[in-house]
């Protein structure tokens, strides 16, 4: 399962190379909302894979708001396809490499309001 946090760059780690049939493939990412069936699609070219061991895993930095800015906290199904194109967003006829779930967190539960130094407390002694 993946977790993307809005307002951040999230790391997507997956295992694509082991199922690839195309050398130096580019990757089509298709995210489908489990509630609305909205789809978010984008391509990451092979050069954006920052993994230090591509035979074992693939790693991509995803700027979450670039793709999910208008969506709130929700669950998404994802599919990753291999292709030679760096622009194609149609998965028809492409090789499916991985599927899974992604949770999109809107980050509202992590907000912090600075403490005010003007707040005074009165201490009562029970004795």
N, C-alpha and C. Protein backbone atom coordinates (compact mmCIF):
# COMPACT_ATOMS: atom_id res chain seq x y z
N UNK A 1 0.83 -1.18 0.00
CA UNK A 1 0.00 0.00 0.00
C UNK A 1 0.88 1.25 0.00
N UNK A 2 0.46 2.22 -0.76
CA UNK A 2 1.16 3.50 -0.82
C UNK A 2 0.39 4.53 0.00
N UNK A 3 1.10 5.53 0.50
CA UNK A 3 0.46 6.66 1.17
C UNK A 3 1.05 7.93 0.58
N UNK A 4 0.18 8.76 0.01
CA UNK A 4 0.59 10.06 -0.50
C UNK A 4 0.02 11.11 0.45
N UNK A 5 0.82 12.11 0.76
CA UNK A 5 0.38 13.19 1.64
C UNK A 5 0.37 14.48 0.82
N UNK A 6 -0.82 15.10 0.75
CA UNK A 6 -0.93 16.35 -0.01
C UNK A 6 0.00 17.41 0.57
N UNK A 7 0.53 18.25 -0.30
CA UNK A 7 1.44 19.29 0.13
C UNK A 7 2.86 18.81 0.31
N UNK A 8 3.15 17.57 -0.11
CA UNK A 8 4.49 17.03 0.07
C UNK A 8 4.93 16.31 -1.20
N UNK A 9 6.17 15.90 -1.19
CA UNK A 9 6.68 15.00 -2.22
C UNK A 9 6.74 13.62 -1.57
N UNK A 10 5.94 12.71 -2.09
CA UNK A 10 5.87 11.36 -1.54
C UNK A 10 6.72 10.41 -2.37
N UNK A 11 7.26 9.42 -1.72
CA UNK A 11 8.09 8.42 -2.40
C UNK A 11 7.22 7.23 -2.77
N UNK A 12 7.32 6.82 -4.02
CA UNK A 12 6.60 5.65 -4.51
C UNK A 12 7.65 4.57 -4.78
N UNK A 13 7.60 3.50 -4.02
CA UNK A 13 8.53 2.38 -4.20
C UNK A 13 7.72 1.18 -4.67
N UNK A 14 8.16 0.58 -5.77
CA UNK A 14 7.44 -0.54 -6.35
C UNK A 14 8.45 -1.50 -7.00
N UNK A 15 7.96 -2.63 -7.49
CA UNK A 15 8.83 -3.61 -8.15
C UNK A 15 8.37 -3.76 -9.58
N UNK A 16 9.00 -3.04 -10.49
CA UNK A 16 8.59 -3.03 -11.89
C UNK A 16 9.56 -3.79 -12.78
N UNK A 17 10.85 -3.65 -12.53
CA UNK A 17 11.88 -4.21 -13.41
C UNK A 17 11.74 -5.71 -13.58
N UNK A 18 11.35 -6.42 -12.52
CA UNK A 18 11.29 -7.88 -12.59
C UNK A 18 10.24 -8.39 -13.58
N UNK A 19 9.23 -7.59 -13.90
CA UNK A 19 8.19 -8.01 -14.84
C UNK A 19 8.30 -7.32 -16.21
N UNK A 20 9.22 -6.38 -16.33
CA UNK A 20 9.38 -5.62 -17.57
C UNK A 20 9.77 -6.51 -18.74
N UNK A 21 9.23 -6.18 -19.91
CA UNK A 21 9.66 -6.83 -21.14
C UNK A 21 10.32 -5.83 -22.08
N UNK A 22 10.24 -4.55 -21.72
CA UNK A 22 10.83 -3.46 -22.52
C UNK A 22 12.06 -2.95 -21.79
N UNK A 23 13.20 -2.91 -22.47
CA UNK A 23 14.42 -2.37 -21.88
C UNK A 23 14.26 -0.85 -21.73
N UNK A 24 14.63 -0.32 -20.57
CA UNK A 24 14.52 1.11 -20.28
C UNK A 24 13.11 1.64 -20.53
N UNK A 25 12.12 0.91 -20.05
CA UNK A 25 10.71 1.29 -20.23
C UNK A 25 10.39 2.59 -19.51
N UNK A 26 9.40 3.29 -20.04
CA UNK A 26 8.78 4.41 -19.35
C UNK A 26 7.52 3.86 -18.69
N UNK A 27 7.02 4.56 -17.67
CA UNK A 27 5.94 4.00 -16.87
C UNK A 27 4.71 4.90 -16.88
N UNK A 28 3.57 4.28 -17.21
CA UNK A 28 2.28 4.97 -17.14
C UNK A 28 1.65 4.60 -15.80
N UNK A 29 1.37 5.61 -14.98
CA UNK A 29 0.71 5.43 -13.69
C UNK A 29 -0.76 5.83 -13.85
N UNK A 30 -1.65 4.93 -13.48
CA UNK A 30 -3.09 5.20 -13.56
C UNK A 30 -3.66 5.00 -12.16
N UNK A 31 -4.19 6.08 -11.58
CA UNK A 31 -4.82 6.03 -10.26
C UNK A 31 -6.32 6.21 -10.46
N UNK A 32 -7.12 5.34 -9.86
CA UNK A 32 -8.57 5.40 -9.98
C UNK A 32 -9.18 5.51 -8.59
N UNK A 33 -9.97 6.56 -8.37
CA UNK A 33 -10.61 6.77 -7.07
C UNK A 33 -11.60 5.63 -6.82
N UNK A 34 -11.56 5.07 -5.62
CA UNK A 34 -12.48 3.98 -5.26
C UNK A 34 -13.86 4.51 -4.94
N UNK A 35 -14.03 5.82 -4.81
CA UNK A 35 -15.33 6.41 -4.50
C UNK A 35 -15.98 7.00 -5.75
N UNK A 36 -15.22 7.80 -6.49
CA UNK A 36 -15.80 8.55 -7.62
C UNK A 36 -15.46 7.97 -8.98
N UNK A 37 -14.52 7.05 -9.05
CA UNK A 37 -13.99 6.50 -10.31
C UNK A 37 -13.24 7.53 -11.14
N UNK A 38 -12.93 8.71 -10.56
CA UNK A 38 -12.08 9.67 -11.26
C UNK A 38 -10.72 9.01 -11.49
N UNK A 39 -10.08 9.39 -12.59
CA UNK A 39 -8.75 8.85 -12.87
C UNK A 39 -7.72 9.96 -12.96
N UNK A 40 -6.54 9.66 -12.43
CA UNK A 40 -5.37 10.53 -12.54
C UNK A 40 -4.31 9.69 -13.24
N UNK A 41 -3.80 10.20 -14.37
CA UNK A 41 -2.80 9.46 -15.15
C UNK A 41 -1.60 10.35 -15.40
N UNK A 42 -0.42 9.75 -15.32
CA UNK A 42 0.79 10.47 -15.67
C UNK A 42 1.88 9.47 -16.02
N UNK A 43 2.88 9.96 -16.74
CA UNK A 43 4.00 9.13 -17.17
C UNK A 43 5.26 9.58 -16.45
N UNK A 44 6.02 8.63 -15.96
CA UNK A 44 7.36 8.90 -15.44
C UNK A 44 8.34 8.15 -16.34
N UNK A 45 9.25 8.90 -16.93
CA UNK A 45 10.24 8.26 -17.80
C UNK A 45 11.26 7.52 -16.96
N UNK A 46 11.91 6.56 -17.57
CA UNK A 46 12.86 5.70 -16.88
C UNK A 46 13.91 6.49 -16.12
N UNK A 47 14.32 7.63 -16.64
CA UNK A 47 15.36 8.44 -16.01
C UNK A 47 14.94 8.98 -14.64
N UNK A 48 13.61 9.05 -14.36
CA UNK A 48 13.12 9.55 -13.08
C UNK A 48 13.13 8.49 -11.99
N UNK A 49 13.50 7.26 -12.34
CA UNK A 49 13.63 6.18 -11.35
C UNK A 49 14.92 6.42 -10.57
N UNK A 50 14.79 6.79 -9.29
CA UNK A 50 15.97 7.14 -8.48
C UNK A 50 16.46 5.99 -7.62
N UNK A 51 15.98 4.78 -7.88
CA UNK A 51 16.40 3.61 -7.11
C UNK A 51 17.90 3.38 -7.28
N UNK A 52 18.53 2.96 -6.20
CA UNK A 52 19.95 2.61 -6.25
C UNK A 52 20.17 1.15 -6.61
N UNK A 53 19.07 0.39 -6.71
CA UNK A 53 19.15 -1.02 -7.06
C UNK A 53 17.92 -1.40 -7.90
N UNK A 54 17.89 -0.97 -9.14
CA UNK A 54 16.71 -1.10 -9.99
C UNK A 54 16.30 -2.55 -10.25
N UNK A 55 17.22 -3.50 -10.08
CA UNK A 55 16.85 -4.90 -10.28
C UNK A 55 15.93 -5.38 -9.15
N UNK A 56 15.97 -4.72 -8.00
CA UNK A 56 15.16 -5.14 -6.85
C UNK A 56 13.93 -4.26 -6.64
N UNK A 57 14.07 -2.96 -6.84
CA UNK A 57 12.92 -2.06 -6.67
C UNK A 57 13.11 -0.82 -7.52
N UNK A 58 11.99 -0.13 -7.72
CA UNK A 58 11.99 1.13 -8.45
C UNK A 58 11.45 2.20 -7.52
N UNK A 59 12.00 3.40 -7.62
CA UNK A 59 11.63 4.47 -6.69
C UNK A 59 11.43 5.77 -7.45
N UNK A 60 10.29 6.40 -7.18
CA UNK A 60 9.95 7.66 -7.84
C UNK A 60 9.52 8.68 -6.80
N UNK A 61 9.90 9.93 -7.00
CA UNK A 61 9.43 11.04 -6.16
C UNK A 61 8.20 11.63 -6.85
N UNK A 62 7.08 11.69 -6.12
CA UNK A 62 5.83 12.19 -6.67
C UNK A 62 5.45 13.46 -5.92
N UNK A 63 5.38 14.58 -6.63
CA UNK A 63 4.89 15.82 -6.05
C UNK A 63 3.36 15.70 -6.04
N UNK A 64 2.81 15.39 -4.89
CA UNK A 64 1.42 14.97 -4.78
C UNK A 64 0.46 16.03 -5.31
N UNK A 65 0.66 17.28 -4.99
CA UNK A 65 -0.28 18.31 -5.43
C UNK A 65 -0.26 18.53 -6.94
N UNK A 66 0.78 18.08 -7.63
CA UNK A 66 0.79 18.18 -9.09
C UNK A 66 -0.33 17.35 -9.70
N UNK A 67 -0.75 16.29 -9.01
CA UNK A 67 -1.74 15.37 -9.56
C UNK A 67 -3.03 15.27 -8.75
N UNK A 68 -2.96 15.53 -7.44
CA UNK A 68 -4.11 15.28 -6.56
C UNK A 68 -4.56 16.51 -5.79
N UNK A 69 -4.23 17.70 -6.25
CA UNK A 69 -4.54 18.94 -5.51
C UNK A 69 -6.03 19.13 -5.25
N UNK A 70 -6.89 18.67 -6.16
CA UNK A 70 -8.33 18.92 -6.02
C UNK A 70 -9.06 17.80 -5.30
N UNK A 71 -8.34 16.81 -4.80
CA UNK A 71 -8.97 15.66 -4.15
C UNK A 71 -8.70 15.67 -2.65
N UNK A 72 -9.68 15.22 -1.88
CA UNK A 72 -9.52 15.11 -0.44
C UNK A 72 -9.06 13.72 -0.03
N UNK A 73 -9.07 13.48 1.25
CA UNK A 73 -8.65 12.21 1.82
C UNK A 73 -9.47 11.09 1.19
N UNK A 74 -8.79 10.09 0.61
CA UNK A 74 -9.52 9.03 -0.09
C UNK A 74 -8.60 7.87 -0.45
N UNK A 75 -9.23 6.76 -0.86
CA UNK A 75 -8.53 5.57 -1.30
C UNK A 75 -8.54 5.50 -2.82
N UNK A 76 -7.41 5.08 -3.38
CA UNK A 76 -7.25 4.97 -4.83
C UNK A 76 -6.65 3.62 -5.18
N UNK A 77 -7.09 3.04 -6.27
CA UNK A 77 -6.44 1.87 -6.84
C UNK A 77 -5.40 2.38 -7.82
N UNK A 78 -4.23 1.77 -7.87
CA UNK A 78 -3.25 2.19 -8.86
C UNK A 78 -2.82 1.02 -9.73
N UNK A 79 -2.46 1.34 -10.96
CA UNK A 79 -1.93 0.40 -11.93
C UNK A 79 -0.73 1.06 -12.59
N UNK A 80 0.32 0.29 -12.80
CA UNK A 80 1.52 0.81 -13.45
C UNK A 80 1.81 -0.05 -14.67
N UNK A 81 1.95 0.61 -15.81
CA UNK A 81 2.17 -0.07 -17.08
C UNK A 81 3.53 0.31 -17.65
N UNK A 82 4.11 -0.59 -18.45
CA UNK A 82 5.35 -0.28 -19.16
C UNK A 82 5.00 0.16 -20.58
N UNK A 83 5.82 1.06 -21.12
CA UNK A 83 5.63 1.52 -22.49
C UNK A 83 6.91 2.18 -22.98
N UNK A 84 6.99 2.37 -24.29
CA UNK A 84 8.13 3.07 -24.88
C UNK A 84 7.87 4.57 -24.97
N UNK A 85 6.61 4.96 -25.01
CA UNK A 85 6.23 6.37 -25.15
C UNK A 85 6.48 7.14 -23.85
N UNK A 86 6.80 8.40 -23.98
CA UNK A 86 6.96 9.26 -22.81
C UNK A 86 5.75 10.17 -22.61
N UNK A 87 4.71 10.01 -23.46
CA UNK A 87 3.55 10.88 -23.37
C UNK A 87 2.21 10.15 -23.38
N UNK A 88 2.16 8.89 -23.80
CA UNK A 88 0.90 8.16 -23.93
C UNK A 88 0.23 7.96 -22.57
N UNK A 89 -1.07 8.30 -22.49
CA UNK A 89 -1.84 8.12 -21.26
C UNK A 89 -2.94 7.06 -21.40
N UNK A 90 -2.91 6.29 -22.48
CA UNK A 90 -3.91 5.25 -22.72
C UNK A 90 -3.29 3.88 -22.42
N UNK A 91 -3.81 3.17 -21.43
CA UNK A 91 -3.20 1.88 -21.05
C UNK A 91 -3.55 0.71 -21.99
N UNK A 92 -4.44 0.92 -22.95
CA UNK A 92 -4.86 -0.16 -23.84
C UNK A 92 -3.65 -0.76 -24.57
N UNK A 93 -3.50 -2.05 -24.46
CA UNK A 93 -2.42 -2.76 -25.14
C UNK A 93 -1.08 -2.72 -24.45
N UNK A 94 -0.98 -2.07 -23.31
CA UNK A 94 0.30 -1.97 -22.59
C UNK A 94 0.45 -3.12 -21.60
N UNK A 95 1.69 -3.41 -21.24
CA UNK A 95 1.96 -4.46 -20.25
C UNK A 95 1.78 -3.95 -18.84
N UNK A 96 0.88 -4.59 -18.08
CA UNK A 96 0.63 -4.23 -16.69
C UNK A 96 1.74 -4.82 -15.82
N UNK A 97 2.39 -3.96 -15.03
CA UNK A 97 3.50 -4.40 -14.18
C UNK A 97 3.13 -4.54 -12.71
N UNK A 98 2.24 -3.67 -12.21
CA UNK A 98 1.91 -3.70 -10.78
C UNK A 98 0.56 -3.04 -10.54
N UNK A 99 -0.15 -3.56 -9.54
CA UNK A 99 -1.40 -2.94 -9.07
C UNK A 99 -1.35 -2.87 -7.55
N UNK A 100 -2.15 -1.99 -6.98
CA UNK A 100 -2.20 -1.88 -5.53
C UNK A 100 -3.13 -0.77 -5.10
N UNK A 101 -3.05 -0.40 -3.83
CA UNK A 101 -3.87 0.65 -3.26
C UNK A 101 -3.00 1.80 -2.79
N UNK A 102 -3.56 3.00 -2.89
CA UNK A 102 -2.89 4.20 -2.40
C UNK A 102 -3.89 4.96 -1.54
N UNK A 103 -3.43 5.43 -0.38
CA UNK A 103 -4.25 6.30 0.46
C UNK A 103 -3.76 7.72 0.31
N UNK A 104 -4.67 8.61 -0.07
CA UNK A 104 -4.35 10.03 -0.20
C UNK A 104 -4.75 10.72 1.09
N UNK A 105 -3.78 11.25 1.80
CA UNK A 105 -4.02 11.95 3.07
C UNK A 105 -3.98 13.44 2.80
N UNK A 106 -5.03 14.13 3.24
CA UNK A 106 -5.07 15.58 3.01
C UNK A 106 -4.28 16.36 4.04
N UNK A 107 -3.67 15.69 4.98
CA UNK A 107 -2.74 16.29 5.95
C UNK A 107 -3.42 17.20 6.96
N UNK A 108 -4.75 17.26 7.01
CA UNK A 108 -5.40 18.15 7.98
C UNK A 108 -5.24 17.66 9.41
N UNK A 109 -5.04 16.35 9.57
CA UNK A 109 -4.89 15.82 10.93
C UNK A 109 -3.50 16.07 11.50
N UNK A 110 -2.63 16.69 10.74
CA UNK A 110 -1.28 16.93 11.22
C UNK A 110 -1.00 18.43 11.40
N UNK A 111 -2.06 19.23 11.39
CA UNK A 111 -1.84 20.66 11.52
C UNK A 111 -1.42 21.01 12.96
N UNK A 112 -0.69 22.07 13.09
CA UNK A 112 -0.19 22.49 14.40
C UNK A 112 -0.37 24.00 14.52
N UNK A 113 -0.96 24.41 15.59
CA UNK A 113 -1.10 25.83 15.87
C UNK A 113 -0.09 26.19 16.94
N UNK A 114 0.67 27.23 16.71
CA UNK A 114 1.71 27.62 17.65
C UNK A 114 1.09 28.00 18.99
N UNK A 115 1.77 27.63 20.04
CA UNK A 115 1.31 27.98 21.37
C UNK A 115 1.46 29.48 21.60
N UNK A 116 0.51 30.04 22.29
CA UNK A 116 0.56 31.45 22.61
C UNK A 116 1.26 31.63 23.96
N UNK A 117 2.22 32.52 24.01
CA UNK A 117 2.91 32.79 25.27
C UNK A 117 2.08 33.67 26.19
N UNK A 118 0.98 34.21 25.68
CA UNK A 118 0.14 35.09 26.47
C UNK A 118 -0.83 34.34 27.39
N UNK A 119 -0.93 33.03 27.23
CA UNK A 119 -1.85 32.26 28.05
C UNK A 119 -1.26 32.12 29.46
N UNK A 120 -2.05 32.49 30.44
CA UNK A 120 -1.63 32.40 31.85
C UNK A 120 -2.41 31.29 32.53
N UNK A 121 -1.72 30.51 33.33
CA UNK A 121 -2.37 29.44 34.07
C UNK A 121 -2.33 29.75 35.55
N UNK A 122 -3.37 29.39 36.25
CA UNK A 122 -3.44 29.58 37.69
C UNK A 122 -3.28 28.19 38.31
N UNK A 123 -2.36 28.06 39.22
CA UNK A 123 -2.11 26.78 39.87
C UNK A 123 -2.79 26.79 41.22
N UNK A 124 -3.58 25.77 41.47
CA UNK A 124 -4.25 25.62 42.76
C UNK A 124 -3.55 24.55 43.56
N UNK A 125 -3.32 24.83 44.80
CA UNK A 125 -2.72 23.86 45.70
C UNK A 125 -3.82 23.18 46.48
N UNK A 126 -3.86 21.88 46.43
CA UNK A 126 -4.93 21.11 47.10
C UNK A 126 -4.75 21.03 48.61
N UNK A 127 -3.64 21.45 49.14
CA UNK A 127 -3.42 21.33 50.59
C UNK A 127 -4.08 22.40 51.41
